[in-house]
C-alpha atoms as a PDB file:
ATOM      1  CA  UNK A   1     -45.637 -16.428  40.619  1.00  0.00           C
ATOM      2  CA  UNK A   2     -42.330 -14.175  40.019  1.00  0.00           C
ATOM      3  CA  UNK A   3     -40.980 -16.259  37.132  1.00  0.00           C
ATOM      4  CA  UNK A   4     -44.260 -15.873  35.422  1.00  0.00           C
ATOM      5  CA  UNK A   5     -44.358 -12.094  35.998  1.00  0.00           C
ATOM      6  CA  UNK A   6     -40.917 -11.989  34.681  1.00  0.00           C
ATOM      7  CA  UNK A   7     -41.844 -13.740  31.291  1.00  0.00           C
ATOM      8  CA  UNK A   8     -44.894 -11.512  31.225  1.00  0.00           C
ATOM      9  CA  UNK A   9     -42.851  -8.174  31.301  1.00  0.00           C
ATOM     10  CA  UNK A  10     -40.201  -9.853  28.798  1.00  0.00           C
ATOM     11  CA  UNK A  11     -43.259 -10.689  26.526  1.00  0.00           C
ATOM     12  CA  UNK A  12     -44.612  -7.291  26.584  1.00  0.00           C
ATOM     13  CA  UNK A  13     -41.321  -6.082  25.084  1.00  0.00           C
ATOM     14  CA  UNK A  14     -42.984  -7.176  21.698  1.00  0.00           C
ATOM     15  CA  UNK A  15     -46.151  -5.293  21.465  1.00  0.00           C
ATOM     16  CA  UNK A  16     -44.703  -1.888  23.043  1.00  0.00           C
ATOM     17  CA  UNK A  17     -42.059  -2.184  20.308  1.00  0.00           C
ATOM     18  CA  UNK A  18     -44.697  -2.705  17.585  1.00  0.00           C
ATOM     19  CA  UNK A  19     -46.652   0.011  19.017  1.00  0.00           C
ATOM     20  CA  UNK A  20     -43.871   2.368  18.261  1.00  0.00           C
ATOM     21  CA  UNK A  21     -43.544   1.470  14.667  1.00  0.00           C
ATOM     22  CA  UNK A  22     -46.527   3.396  13.624  1.00  0.00           C
ATOM     23  CA  UNK A  23     -45.043   6.688  14.512  1.00  0.00           C
ATOM     24  CA  UNK A  24     -41.455   5.853  13.389  1.00  0.00           C
ATOM     25  CA  UNK A  25     -42.739   4.825  10.129  1.00  0.00           C
ATOM     26  CA  UNK A  26     -45.214   7.715   9.494  1.00  0.00           C
ATOM     27  CA  UNK A  27     -42.511  10.305  10.606  1.00  0.00           C
ATOM     28  CA  UNK A  28     -39.344   8.742   8.907  1.00  0.00           C
ATOM     29  CA  UNK A  29     -40.118   5.909   6.170  1.00  0.00           C
ATOM     30  CA  UNK A  30     -40.940   6.400   2.545  1.00  0.00           C
ATOM     31  CA  UNK A  31     -44.951   5.914   2.293  1.00  0.00           C
ATOM     32  CA  UNK A  32     -44.751   4.680  -1.367  1.00  0.00           C
ATOM     33  CA  UNK A  33     -42.629   1.650  -0.606  1.00  0.00           C
ATOM     34  CA  UNK A  34     -44.660  -0.729   1.922  1.00  0.00           C
ATOM     35  CA  UNK A  35     -43.459  -3.820   0.556  1.00  0.00           C
ATOM     36  CA  UNK A  36     -39.422  -3.125   0.719  1.00  0.00           C
ATOM     37  CA  UNK A  37     -40.217  -1.606   3.973  1.00  0.00           C
ATOM     38  CA  UNK A  38     -41.276  -5.120   5.006  1.00  0.00           C
ATOM     39  CA  UNK A  39     -38.532  -6.853   3.306  1.00  0.00           C
ATOM     40  CA  UNK A  40     -35.692  -4.304   4.862  1.00  0.00           C
ATOM     41  CA  UNK A  41     -37.520  -5.025   8.132  1.00  0.00           C
ATOM     42  CA  UNK A  42     -37.642  -8.574   8.294  1.00  0.00           C
ATOM     43  CA  UNK A  43     -34.113  -9.803   6.355  1.00  0.00           C
ATOM     44  CA  UNK A  44     -31.847  -7.686   8.267  1.00  0.00           C
ATOM     45  CA  UNK A  45     -33.355  -8.792  11.751  1.00  0.00           C
ATOM     46  CA  UNK A  46     -33.348 -12.590  10.494  1.00  0.00           C
ATOM     47  CA  UNK A  47     -29.427 -12.101   9.363  1.00  0.00           C
ATOM     48  CA  UNK A  48     -28.583 -10.508  12.751  1.00  0.00           C
ATOM     49  CA  UNK A  49     -30.435 -13.308  14.756  1.00  0.00           C
ATOM     50  CA  UNK A  50     -28.792 -15.933  12.547  1.00  0.00           C
ATOM     51  CA  UNK A  51     -25.213 -14.355  13.067  1.00  0.00           C
ATOM     52  CA  UNK A  52     -26.073 -14.574  16.791  1.00  0.00           C
ATOM     53  CA  UNK A  53     -27.207 -18.160  16.524  1.00  0.00           C
ATOM     54  CA  UNK A  54     -25.578 -19.450  13.456  1.00  0.00           C
ATOM     55  CA  UNK A  55     -27.864 -22.898  12.710  1.00  0.00           C
ATOM     56  CA  UNK A  56     -29.532 -23.737   9.906  1.00  0.00           C
ATOM     57  CA  UNK A  57     -32.980 -25.708  10.075  1.00  0.00           C
ATOM     58  CA  UNK A  58     -33.113 -29.591   9.943  1.00  0.00           C
ATOM     59  CA  UNK A  59     -35.244 -31.958   8.845  1.00  0.00           C
ATOM     60  CA  UNK A  60     -38.930 -30.976   9.345  1.00  0.00           C
ATOM     61  CA  UNK A  61     -37.731 -27.364  10.050  1.00  0.00           C
ATOM     62  CA  UNK A  62     -37.133 -26.663   6.577  1.00  0.00           C
ATOM     63  CA  UNK A  63     -40.897 -26.844   5.602  1.00  0.00           C
ATOM     64  CA  UNK A  64     -41.903 -25.348   9.368  1.00  0.00           C
ATOM     65  CA  UNK A  65     -39.752 -22.195   8.799  1.00  0.00           C
ATOM     66  CA  UNK A  66     -41.495 -21.842   5.552  1.00  0.00           C
ATOM     67  CA  UNK A  67     -45.197 -22.126   6.858  1.00  0.00           C
ATOM     68  CA  UNK A  68     -43.991 -20.032  10.065  1.00  0.00           C
ATOM     69  CA  UNK A  69     -42.314 -17.185   8.008  1.00  0.00           C
ATOM     70  CA  UNK A  70     -45.339 -17.098   5.539  1.00  0.00           C
ATOM     71  CA  UNK A  71     -47.867 -16.884   8.559  1.00  0.00           C
ATOM     72  CA  UNK A  72     -46.181 -14.664  10.775  1.00  0.00           C
ATOM     73  CA  UNK A  73     -44.051 -12.281   8.499  1.00  0.00           C
ATOM     74  CA  UNK A  74     -44.713 -12.596   4.714  1.00  0.00           C
ATOM     75  CA  UNK A  75     -48.332 -12.827   4.133  1.00  0.00           C
ATOM     76  CA  UNK A  76     -48.676 -10.963   7.676  1.00  0.00           C
ATOM     77  CA  UNK A  77     -46.994  -8.086   6.501  1.00  0.00           C
ATOM     78  CA  UNK A  78     -48.646  -7.878   3.076  1.00  0.00           C
ATOM     79  CA  UNK A  79     -52.003  -8.056   4.415  1.00  0.00           C
ATOM     80  CA  UNK A  80     -51.282  -5.323   7.165  1.00  0.00           C
ATOM     81  CA  UNK A  81     -50.164  -3.108   4.201  1.00  0.00           C
ATOM     82  CA  UNK A  82     -53.389  -3.464   2.493  1.00  0.00           C
ATOM     83  CA  UNK A  83     -55.600  -3.217   5.562  1.00  0.00           C
ATOM     84  CA  UNK A  84     -53.491   0.128   6.199  1.00  0.00           C
ATOM     85  CA  UNK A  85     -54.674   1.382   3.081  1.00  0.00           C
ATOM     86  CA  UNK A  86     -58.247   0.461   3.048  1.00  0.00           C
ATOM     87  CA  UNK A  87     -59.451   0.597   6.653  1.00  0.00           C
ATOM     88  CA  UNK A  88     -59.412   3.500   9.486  1.00  0.00           C
ATOM     89  CA  UNK A  89     -56.876   2.646  12.033  1.00  0.00           C
ATOM     90  CA  UNK A  90     -59.555   2.207  14.688  1.00  0.00           C
ATOM     91  CA  UNK A  91     -61.546  -0.583  12.901  1.00  0.00           C
ATOM     92  CA  UNK A  92     -58.322  -2.626  11.623  1.00  0.00           C
ATOM     93  CA  UNK A  93     -56.925  -2.367  15.582  1.00  0.00           C
ATOM     94  CA  UNK A  94     -60.312  -3.557  16.669  1.00  0.00           C
ATOM     95  CA  UNK A  95     -60.218  -6.354  14.586  1.00  0.00           C
ATOM     96  CA  UNK A  96     -56.744  -7.413  15.047  1.00  0.00           C
ATOM     97  CA  UNK A  97     -57.720  -6.868  19.122  1.00  0.00           C
ATOM     98  CA  UNK A  98     -59.764 -10.246  18.494  1.00  0.00           C
ATOM     99  CA  UNK A  99     -56.557 -12.180  18.179  1.00  0.00           C
ATOM    100  CA  UNK A 100     -56.131 -13.221  22.299  1.00  0.00           C
ATOM    101  CA  UNK A 101     -59.789 -15.002  21.634  1.00  0.00           C
ATOM    102  CA  UNK A 102     -58.458 -16.616  18.377  1.00  0.00           C
ATOM    103  CA  UNK A 103     -55.256 -17.814  20.115  1.00  0.00           C
ATOM    104  CA  UNK A 104     -56.686 -19.200  23.106  1.00  0.00           C
ATOM    105  CA  UNK A 105     -59.158 -20.975  20.551  1.00  0.00           C
ATOM    106  CA  UNK A 106     -56.720 -22.107  18.466  1.00  0.00           C
ATOM    107  CA  UNK A 107     -54.419 -23.282  21.522  1.00  0.00           C
ATOM    108  CA  UNK A 108     -57.364 -25.284  22.758  1.00  0.00           C
ATOM    109  CA  UNK A 109     -57.301 -26.953  19.255  1.00  0.00           C
ATOM    110  CA  UNK A 110     -53.818 -27.574  18.283  1.00  0.00           C
ATOM    111  CA  UNK A 111     -52.151 -27.118  21.634  1.00  0.00           C
ATOM    112  CA  UNK A 112     -54.101 -28.701  24.059  1.00  0.00           C
ATOM    113  CA  UNK A 113     -54.487 -25.591  26.503  1.00  0.00           C
ATOM    114  CA  UNK A 114     -57.983 -25.521  28.138  1.00  0.00           C
ATOM    115  CA  UNK A 115     -60.254 -22.756  27.675  1.00  0.00           C
ATOM    116  CA  UNK A 116     -60.760 -20.449  30.865  1.00  0.00           C
ATOM    117  CA  UNK A 117     -63.402 -18.110  31.641  1.00  0.00           C
ATOM    118  CA  UNK A 118     -61.451 -15.038  33.305  1.00  0.00           C
ATOM    119  CA  UNK A 119     -58.739 -14.819  30.444  1.00  0.00           C
ATOM    120  CA  UNK A 120     -62.047 -14.850  27.779  1.00  0.00           C
ATOM    121  CA  UNK A 121     -63.700 -12.232  29.656  1.00  0.00           C
ATOM    122  CA  UNK A 122     -60.059 -10.309  29.562  1.00  0.00           C
ATOM    123  CA  UNK A 123     -60.107 -10.868  25.976  1.00  0.00           C
ATOM    124  CA  UNK A 124     -63.680  -9.238  25.507  1.00  0.00           C
ATOM    125  CA  UNK A 125     -62.581  -6.254  27.664  1.00  0.00           C
ATOM    126  CA  UNK A 126     -59.818  -5.855  25.370  1.00  0.00           C
ATOM    127  CA  UNK A 127     -61.868  -5.600  22.228  1.00  0.00           C
ATOM    128  CA  UNK A 128     -64.107  -3.161  23.823  1.00  0.00           C
ATOM    129  CA  UNK A 129     -61.182  -0.974  25.294  1.00  0.00           C
ATOM    130  CA  UNK A 130     -59.387  -0.835  21.889  1.00  0.00           C
ATOM    131  CA  UNK A 131     -62.508   0.187  20.121  1.00  0.00           C
ATOM    132  CA  UNK A 132     -62.988   3.253  22.654  1.00  0.00           C
ATOM    133  CA  UNK A 133     -59.188   3.812  22.489  1.00  0.00           C
ATOM    134  CA  UNK A 134     -59.232   4.221  18.745  1.00  0.00           C
ATOM    135  CA  UNK A 135     -62.805   5.660  18.233  1.00  0.00           C
ATOM    136  CA  UNK A 136     -63.576   8.872  16.187  1.00  0.00           C
ATOM    137  CA  UNK A 137     -62.751   7.612  12.646  1.00  0.00           C
ATOM    138  CA  UNK A 138     -66.041   8.192  10.736  1.00  0.00           C
ATOM    139  CA  UNK A 139     -64.568   6.596   7.583  1.00  0.00           C
ATOM    140  CA  UNK A 140     -67.002   4.043   5.618  1.00  0.00           C
ATOM    141  CA  UNK A 141     -65.133   0.403   5.882  1.00  0.00           C
ATOM    142  CA  UNK A 142     -64.280  -1.206   2.592  1.00  0.00           C
ATOM    143  CA  UNK A 143     -65.300  -5.139   2.665  1.00  0.00           C
ATOM    144  CA  UNK A 144     -61.687  -5.884   1.308  1.00  0.00           C
ATOM    145  CA  UNK A 145     -60.069  -4.185   3.998  1.00  0.00           C
ATOM    146  CA  UNK A 146     -62.316  -5.972   6.532  1.00  0.00           C
ATOM    147  CA  UNK A 147     -61.697  -9.347   5.062  1.00  0.00           C
ATOM    148  CA  UNK A 148     -57.835  -8.633   4.607  1.00  0.00           C
ATOM    149  CA  UNK A 149     -57.776  -7.494   8.355  1.00  0.00           C
ATOM    150  CA  UNK A 150     -59.366 -10.450   9.563  1.00  0.00           C
ATOM    151  CA  UNK A 151     -57.096 -12.997   7.624  1.00  0.00           C
ATOM    152  CA  UNK A 152     -54.406 -11.182   9.038  1.00  0.00           C
ATOM    153  CA  UNK A 153     -55.363 -11.897  12.404  1.00  0.00           C
ATOM    154  CA  UNK A 154     -56.381 -15.532  11.785  1.00  0.00           C
ATOM    155  CA  UNK A 155     -53.343 -16.245   9.851  1.00  0.00           C
ATOM    156  CA  UNK A 156     -50.701 -14.693  12.471  1.00  0.00           C
ATOM    157  CA  UNK A 157     -52.934 -16.291  15.318  1.00  0.00           C
ATOM    158  CA  UNK A 158     -52.599 -19.754  13.747  1.00  0.00           C
ATOM    159  CA  UNK A 159     -48.616 -19.051  12.970  1.00  0.00           C
ATOM    160  CA  UNK A 160     -48.112 -18.215  16.723  1.00  0.00           C
ATOM    161  CA  UNK A 161     -49.904 -21.350  17.945  1.00  0.00           C
ATOM    162  CA  UNK A 162     -47.879 -23.523  15.349  1.00  0.00           C
ATOM    163  CA  UNK A 163     -44.785 -22.171  16.947  1.00  0.00           C
ATOM    164  CA  UNK A 164     -45.796 -22.746  19.934  1.00  0.00           C
ATOM    165  CA  UNK A 165     -46.650 -26.356  19.222  1.00  0.00           C
ATOM    166  CA  UNK A 166     -43.264 -27.014  17.233  1.00  0.00           C
ATOM    167  CA  UNK A 167     -40.896 -25.434  19.855  1.00  0.00           C
ATOM    168  CA  UNK A 168     -39.387 -28.725  21.272  1.00  0.00           C
ATOM    169  CA  UNK A 169     -36.288 -29.650  20.311  1.00  0.00           C
ATOM    170  CA  UNK A 170     -35.424 -25.922  19.033  1.00  0.00           C
ATOM    171  CA  UNK A 171     -34.497 -22.428  20.648  1.00  0.00           C
ATOM    172  CA  UNK A 172     -36.171 -19.273  20.294  1.00  0.00           C
ATOM    173  CA  UNK A 173     -33.267 -17.496  18.350  1.00  0.00           C
ATOM    174  CA  UNK A 174     -33.092 -19.745  15.823  1.00  0.00           C
ATOM    175  CA  UNK A 175     -36.571 -20.311  14.989  1.00  0.00           C
ATOM    176  CA  UNK A 176     -37.187 -16.693  15.064  1.00  0.00           C
ATOM    177  CA  UNK A 177     -34.423 -16.202  12.706  1.00  0.00           C
ATOM    178  CA  UNK A 178     -35.674 -18.953  10.101  1.00  0.00           C
ATOM    179  CA  UNK A 179     -38.998 -17.033  10.220  1.00  0.00           C
ATOM    180  CA  UNK A 180     -37.808 -13.588   9.309  1.00  0.00           C
ATOM    181  CA  UNK A 181     -35.632 -15.006   6.430  1.00  0.00           C
ATOM    182  CA  UNK A 182     -38.222 -17.348   5.050  1.00  0.00           C
ATOM    183  CA  UNK A 183     -40.938 -14.009   5.245  1.00  0.00           C
ATOM    184  CA  UNK A 184     -38.533 -11.511   3.721  1.00  0.00           C
ATOM    185  CA  UNK A 185     -37.369 -13.727   1.034  1.00  0.00           C
ATOM    186  CA  UNK A 186     -41.087 -14.478   0.096  1.00  0.00           C
ATOM    187  CA  UNK A 187     -41.647 -10.892   0.164  1.00  0.00           C
ATOM    188  CA  UNK A 188     -38.554  -9.992  -1.929  1.00  0.00           C
ATOM    189  CA  UNK A 189     -39.794 -10.974  -5.424  1.00  0.00           C
ATOM    190  CA  UNK A 190     -43.013  -9.128  -4.607  1.00  0.00           C
ATOM    191  CA  UNK A 191     -41.309  -6.010  -3.768  1.00  0.00           C
ATOM    192  CA  UNK A 192     -38.987  -6.327  -6.812  1.00  0.00           C
ATOM    193  CA  UNK A 193     -42.047  -6.852  -9.266  1.00  0.00           C
ATOM    194  CA  UNK A 194     -44.212  -4.253  -7.966  1.00  0.00           C
ATOM    195  CA  UNK A 195     -41.953  -1.562  -6.463  1.00  0.00           C
ATOM    196  CA  UNK A 196     -39.039  -1.758  -8.629  1.00  0.00           C
ATOM    197  CA  UNK A 197     -35.605  -0.846  -6.923  1.00  0.00           C
ATOM    198  CA  UNK A 198     -35.245  -0.727  -3.255  1.00  0.00           C
ATOM    199  CA  UNK A 199     -35.982   3.126  -1.906  1.00  0.00           C
ATOM    200  CA  UNK A 200     -33.379   5.722  -1.382  1.00  0.00           C
ATOM    201  CA  UNK A 201     -33.247   6.586   2.222  1.00  0.00           C
ATOM    202  CA  UNK A 202     -31.306   9.597   3.668  1.00  0.00           C
ATOM    203  CA  UNK A 203     -29.707   9.385   7.350  1.00  0.00           C
ATOM    204  CA  UNK A 204     -32.855   9.567   9.333  1.00  0.00           C
ATOM    205  CA  UNK A 205     -34.814   6.950   7.065  1.00  0.00           C
ATOM    206  CA  UNK A 206     -31.380   4.529   7.649  1.00  0.00           C
ATOM    207  CA  UNK A 207     -31.777   5.148  11.346  1.00  0.00           C
ATOM    208  CA  UNK A 208     -35.300   4.449  11.192  1.00  0.00           C
ATOM    209  CA  UNK A 209     -35.113   1.383   9.534  1.00  0.00           C
ATOM    210  CA  UNK A 210     -32.146   0.178  11.804  1.00  0.00           C
ATOM    211  CA  UNK A 211     -34.419   0.849  14.850  1.00  0.00           C
ATOM    212  CA  UNK A 212     -37.462  -1.083  13.115  1.00  0.00           C
ATOM    213  CA  UNK A 213     -35.525  -3.997  11.904  1.00  0.00           C
ATOM    214  CA  UNK A 214     -33.222  -4.432  15.210  1.00  0.00           C
ATOM    215  CA  UNK A 215     -35.519  -3.412  17.893  1.00  0.00           C
ATOM    216  CA  UNK A 216     -38.888  -3.508  16.776  1.00  0.00           C
ATOM    217  CA  UNK A 217     -38.640  -6.816  14.704  1.00  0.00           C
ATOM    218  CA  UNK A 218     -35.497  -8.913  15.971  1.00  0.00           C
ATOM    219  CA  UNK A 219     -35.727  -8.382  19.727  1.00  0.00           C
ATOM    220  CA  UNK A 220     -39.379  -8.105  19.681  1.00  0.00           C
ATOM    221  CA  UNK A 221     -40.082 -11.172  17.848  1.00  0.00           C
ATOM    222  CA  UNK A 222     -37.364 -13.012  20.111  1.00  0.00           C
ATOM    223  CA  UNK A 223     -39.221 -11.432  23.177  1.00  0.00           C
ATOM    224  CA  UNK A 224     -42.622 -12.668  21.903  1.00  0.00           C
ATOM    225  CA  UNK A 225     -42.032 -16.058  20.912  1.00  0.00           C
ATOM    226  CA  UNK A 226     -39.960 -16.725  24.254  1.00  0.00           C
ATOM    227  CA  UNK A 227     -43.349 -15.415  25.892  1.00  0.00           C
ATOM    228  CA  UNK A 228     -45.225 -18.066  23.928  1.00  0.00           C
ATOM    229  CA  UNK A 229     -43.153 -20.881  24.798  1.00  0.00           C
ATOM    230  CA  UNK A 230     -43.451 -20.158  28.492  1.00  0.00           C
ATOM    231  CA  UNK A 231     -46.820 -19.017  29.129  1.00  0.00           C
ATOM    232  CA  UNK A 232     -50.328 -19.997  27.768  1.00  0.00           C
ATOM    233  CA  UNK A 233     -51.255 -18.559  24.468  1.00  0.00           C
ATOM    234  CA  UNK A 234     -54.242 -16.431  26.134  1.00  0.00           C
ATOM    235  CA  UNK A 235     -51.648 -14.685  28.354  1.00  0.00           C
ATOM    236  CA  UNK A 236     -49.367 -13.662  25.601  1.00  0.00           C
ATOM    237  CA  UNK A 237     -52.404 -12.630  23.259  1.00  0.00           C
ATOM    238  CA  UNK A 238     -53.541 -10.368  26.008  1.00  0.00           C
ATOM    239  CA  UNK A 239     -50.283  -8.927  26.448  1.00  0.00           C
ATOM    240  CA  UNK A 240     -50.253  -8.017  22.787  1.00  0.00           C
ATOM    241  CA  UNK A 241     -53.364  -5.489  23.385  1.00  0.00           C
ATOM    242  CA  UNK A 242     -50.387  -3.363  24.601  1.00  0.00           C
ATOM    243  CA  UNK A 243     -49.308  -2.613  20.742  1.00  0.00           C
ATOM    244  CA  UNK A 244     -52.193  -0.126  20.248  1.00  0.00           C
ATOM    245  CA  UNK A 245     -51.701   1.282  23.723  1.00  0.00           C
ATOM    246  CA  UNK A 246     -48.230   2.018  23.091  1.00  0.00           C
ATOM    247  CA  UNK A 247     -49.322   3.457  19.892  1.00  0.00           C
ATOM    248  CA  UNK A 248     -51.545   5.994  21.491  1.00  0.00           C
ATOM    249  CA  UNK A 249     -49.539   6.579  24.393  1.00  0.00           C
ATOM    250  CA  UNK A 250     -46.139   7.541  22.266  1.00  0.00           C
ATOM    251  CA  UNK A 251     -48.591   9.914  20.115  1.00  0.00           C
ATOM    252  CA  UNK A 252     -49.495  11.738  23.155  1.00  0.00           C
ATOM    253  CA  UNK A 253     -45.857  11.947  24.709  1.00  0.00           C
ATOM    254  CA  UNK A 254     -44.024  12.643  21.590  1.00  0.00           C
ATOM    255  CA  UNK A 255     -46.386  14.026  18.813  1.00  0.00           C
ATOM    256  CA  UNK A 256     -48.530  16.261  21.250  1.00  0.00           C
ATOM    257  CA  UNK A 257     -51.871  14.525  20.501  1.00  0.00           C
ATOM    258  CA  UNK A 258     -54.709  14.423  23.165  1.00  0.00           C
ATOM    259  CA  UNK A 259     -56.718  11.816  24.861  1.00  0.00           C
ATOM    260  CA  UNK A 260     -60.543  12.354  25.209  1.00  0.00           C
ATOM    261  CA  UNK A 261     -62.484  10.746  28.030  1.00  0.00           C
ATOM    262  CA  UNK A 262     -63.581   7.960  26.284  1.00  0.00           C
ATOM    263  CA  UNK A 263     -60.006   7.094  24.929  1.00  0.00           C
ATOM    264  CA  UNK A 264     -58.833   7.292  28.513  1.00  0.00           C
ATOM    265  CA  UNK A 265     -61.919   4.501  29.713  1.00  0.00           C
ATOM    266  CA  UNK A 266     -60.662   2.558  26.762  1.00  0.00           C
ATOM    267  CA  UNK A 267     -57.075   2.595  28.129  1.00  0.00           C
ATOM    268  CA  UNK A 268     -57.892   1.627  31.428  1.00  0.00           C
ATOM    269  CA  UNK A 269     -60.375  -1.162  30.074  1.00  0.00           C
ATOM    270  CA  UNK A 270     -57.646  -2.716  28.111  1.00  0.00           C
ATOM    271  CA  UNK A 271     -55.164  -2.702  30.922  1.00  0.00           C
ATOM    272  CA  UNK A 272     -57.982  -4.448  33.011  1.00  0.00           C
ATOM    273  CA  UNK A 273     -58.345  -7.141  30.277  1.00  0.00           C
ATOM    274  CA  UNK A 274     -54.532  -7.441  29.791  1.00  0.00           C
ATOM    275  CA  UNK A 275     -54.396  -8.287  34.101  1.00  0.00           C
ATOM    276  CA  UNK A 276     -57.277 -10.800  33.607  1.00  0.00           C
ATOM    277  CA  UNK A 277     -55.379 -12.944  31.325  1.00  0.00           C
ATOM    278  CA  UNK A 278     -52.409 -13.137  33.668  1.00  0.00           C
ATOM    279  CA  UNK A 279     -52.007 -16.287  35.701  1.00  0.00           C
ATOM    280  CA  UNK A 280     -51.492 -14.637  38.846  1.00  0.00           C
ATOM    281  CA  UNK A 281     -54.938 -12.800  38.528  1.00  0.00           C
ATOM    282  CA  UNK A 282     -56.727 -16.286  37.647  1.00  0.00           C
ATOM    283  CA  UNK A 283     -55.093 -17.623  41.018  1.00  0.00           C
ATOM    284  CA  UNK A 284     -56.453 -14.626  42.908  1.00  0.00           C
ATOM    285  CA  UNK A 285     -59.748 -14.838  41.541  1.00  0.00           C
ATOM    286  CA  UNK A 286     -59.737 -18.804  42.341  1.00  0.00           C
ATOM    287  CA  UNK A 287     -58.580 -18.001  45.946  1.00  0.00           C
ATOM    288  CA  UNK A 288     -61.048 -15.349  46.488  1.00  0.00           C
ATOM    289  CA  UNK A 289     -64.008 -17.740  45.477  1.00  0.00           C
ATOM    290  CA  UNK A 290     -62.765 -20.560  47.532  1.00  0.00           C
ATOM    291  CA  UNK A 291     -62.430 -18.116  50.837  1.00  0.00           C
ATOM    292  CA  UNK A 292     -65.987 -17.181  49.931  1.00  0.00           C
ATOM    293  CA  UNK A 293     -67.049 -20.709  49.672  1.00  0.00           C
ATOM    294  CA  UNK A 294     -65.343 -21.630  53.218  1.00  0.00           C
ATOM    295  CA  UNK A 295     -66.982 -18.716  54.881  1.00  0.00           C
ATOM    296  CA  UNK A 296     -70.197 -19.951  53.502  1.00  0.00           C
ATOM    297  CA  UNK A 297     -69.604 -23.394  55.176  1.00  0.00           C
ATOM    298  CA  UNK A 298     -68.822 -22.090  58.624  1.00  0.00           C
ATOM    299  CA  UNK A 299     -71.015 -23.362  61.354  1.00  0.00           C
ATOM    300  CA  UNK A 300     -73.325 -20.764  63.071  1.00  0.00           C
ATOM    301  CA  UNK A 301     -72.989 -20.250  66.875  1.00  0.00           C
ATOM    302  CA  UNK A 302     -76.269 -21.858  68.733  1.00  0.00           C
ATOM    303  CA  UNK A 303     -78.268 -18.738  70.357  1.00  0.00           C
ATOM    304  CA  UNK A 304     -77.330 -20.095  73.707  1.00  0.00           C
ATOM    305  CA  UNK A 305     -73.658 -19.649  73.280  1.00  0.00           C
ATOM    306  CA  UNK A 306     -74.351 -16.051  72.218  1.00  0.00           C
ATOM    307  CA  UNK A 307     -73.659 -14.586  75.640  1.00  0.00           C
ATOM    308  CA  UNK A 308     -70.852 -15.744  77.928  1.00  0.00           C
ATOM    309  CA  UNK A 309     -69.332 -18.417  75.683  1.00  0.00           C
ATOM    310  CA  UNK A 310     -67.044 -17.899  72.627  1.00  0.00           C
ATOM    311  CA  UNK A 311     -66.985 -20.703  69.793  1.00  0.00           C
ATOM    312  CA  UNK A 312     -63.650 -20.651  67.980  1.00  0.00           C
ATOM    313  CA  UNK A 313     -64.094 -21.272  64.269  1.00  0.00           C
ATOM    314  CA  UNK A 314     -60.762 -22.287  62.162  1.00  0.00           C
ATOM    315  CA  UNK A 315     -59.837 -19.534  59.611  1.00  0.00           C
ATOM    316  CA  UNK A 316     -59.581 -20.782  56.074  1.00  0.00           C
ATOM    317  CA  UNK A 317     -56.568 -18.879  56.019  1.00  0.00           C
ATOM    318  CA  UNK A 318     -55.014 -20.925  58.757  1.00  0.00           C
ATOM    319  CA  UNK A 319     -55.850 -24.014  56.623  1.00  0.00           C
ATOM    320  CA  UNK A 320     -54.103 -22.905  53.871  1.00  0.00           C
ATOM    321  CA  UNK A 321     -50.767 -21.710  55.499  1.00  0.00           C
END
């Protein structure tokens, strides 16, 4: 159990870092160059990881890296940009919060993982909690934005499960670097055609891109795929709900934003949903059910032994020791 929680904490680095990119991007990065922003985020991160682990794909991993880079980086980053332009943050984040449920279903279909009730309930709580946490934006949603958000969620969830299924014979650093390079190279022609040359950056912009690329992409993606390799997909997906939580809390701590009562309730519900997806929580619930079942099977003392005699009943806890 200690090892499981250690990998949960490692995985949590990713959504917390991703949540911080909202504020960093809004404050320091040019708003009119989103495609270049994605390229400058993905390519340096991929090159750094390739330098740390200098290994090129072999055999099937050439086309696998292209598929994963397209799903998890290239198309995903482009769709997220479109969603940011067309949908309020609350609706977009609520749609993306369905990712844990999608990952559980896809892991059942493609990776042979069982569907479990407790994590599914946790996923439902996560959706409700995110909706409450980010409530209050009364903007009419665009159908194209909703479609793009659903597609981004579905494609990234599929990419994560394929990365989990194809992990044999590879290491996390190499696979992550290949994905980031493939996704960045896919976006590069689009950035050149749509936005022209790369944006001019001041010192703050360079530092912001360094953080987003090195920490919120290289380190975060390695942590995320390391978790996927060692934890159930549903557990990892629910940990991903820390993304909007981190974004909101950073706004409170750094930007001086305030949380209302519904947002605090949403934050609490999201955290409960995340905990319900952890293997330790499932084991605790199963133990409580078994203990209740054993208690219901205890023999009831006969009335003639009610006084003067004491009947020893074995404790269910003793039987487990």
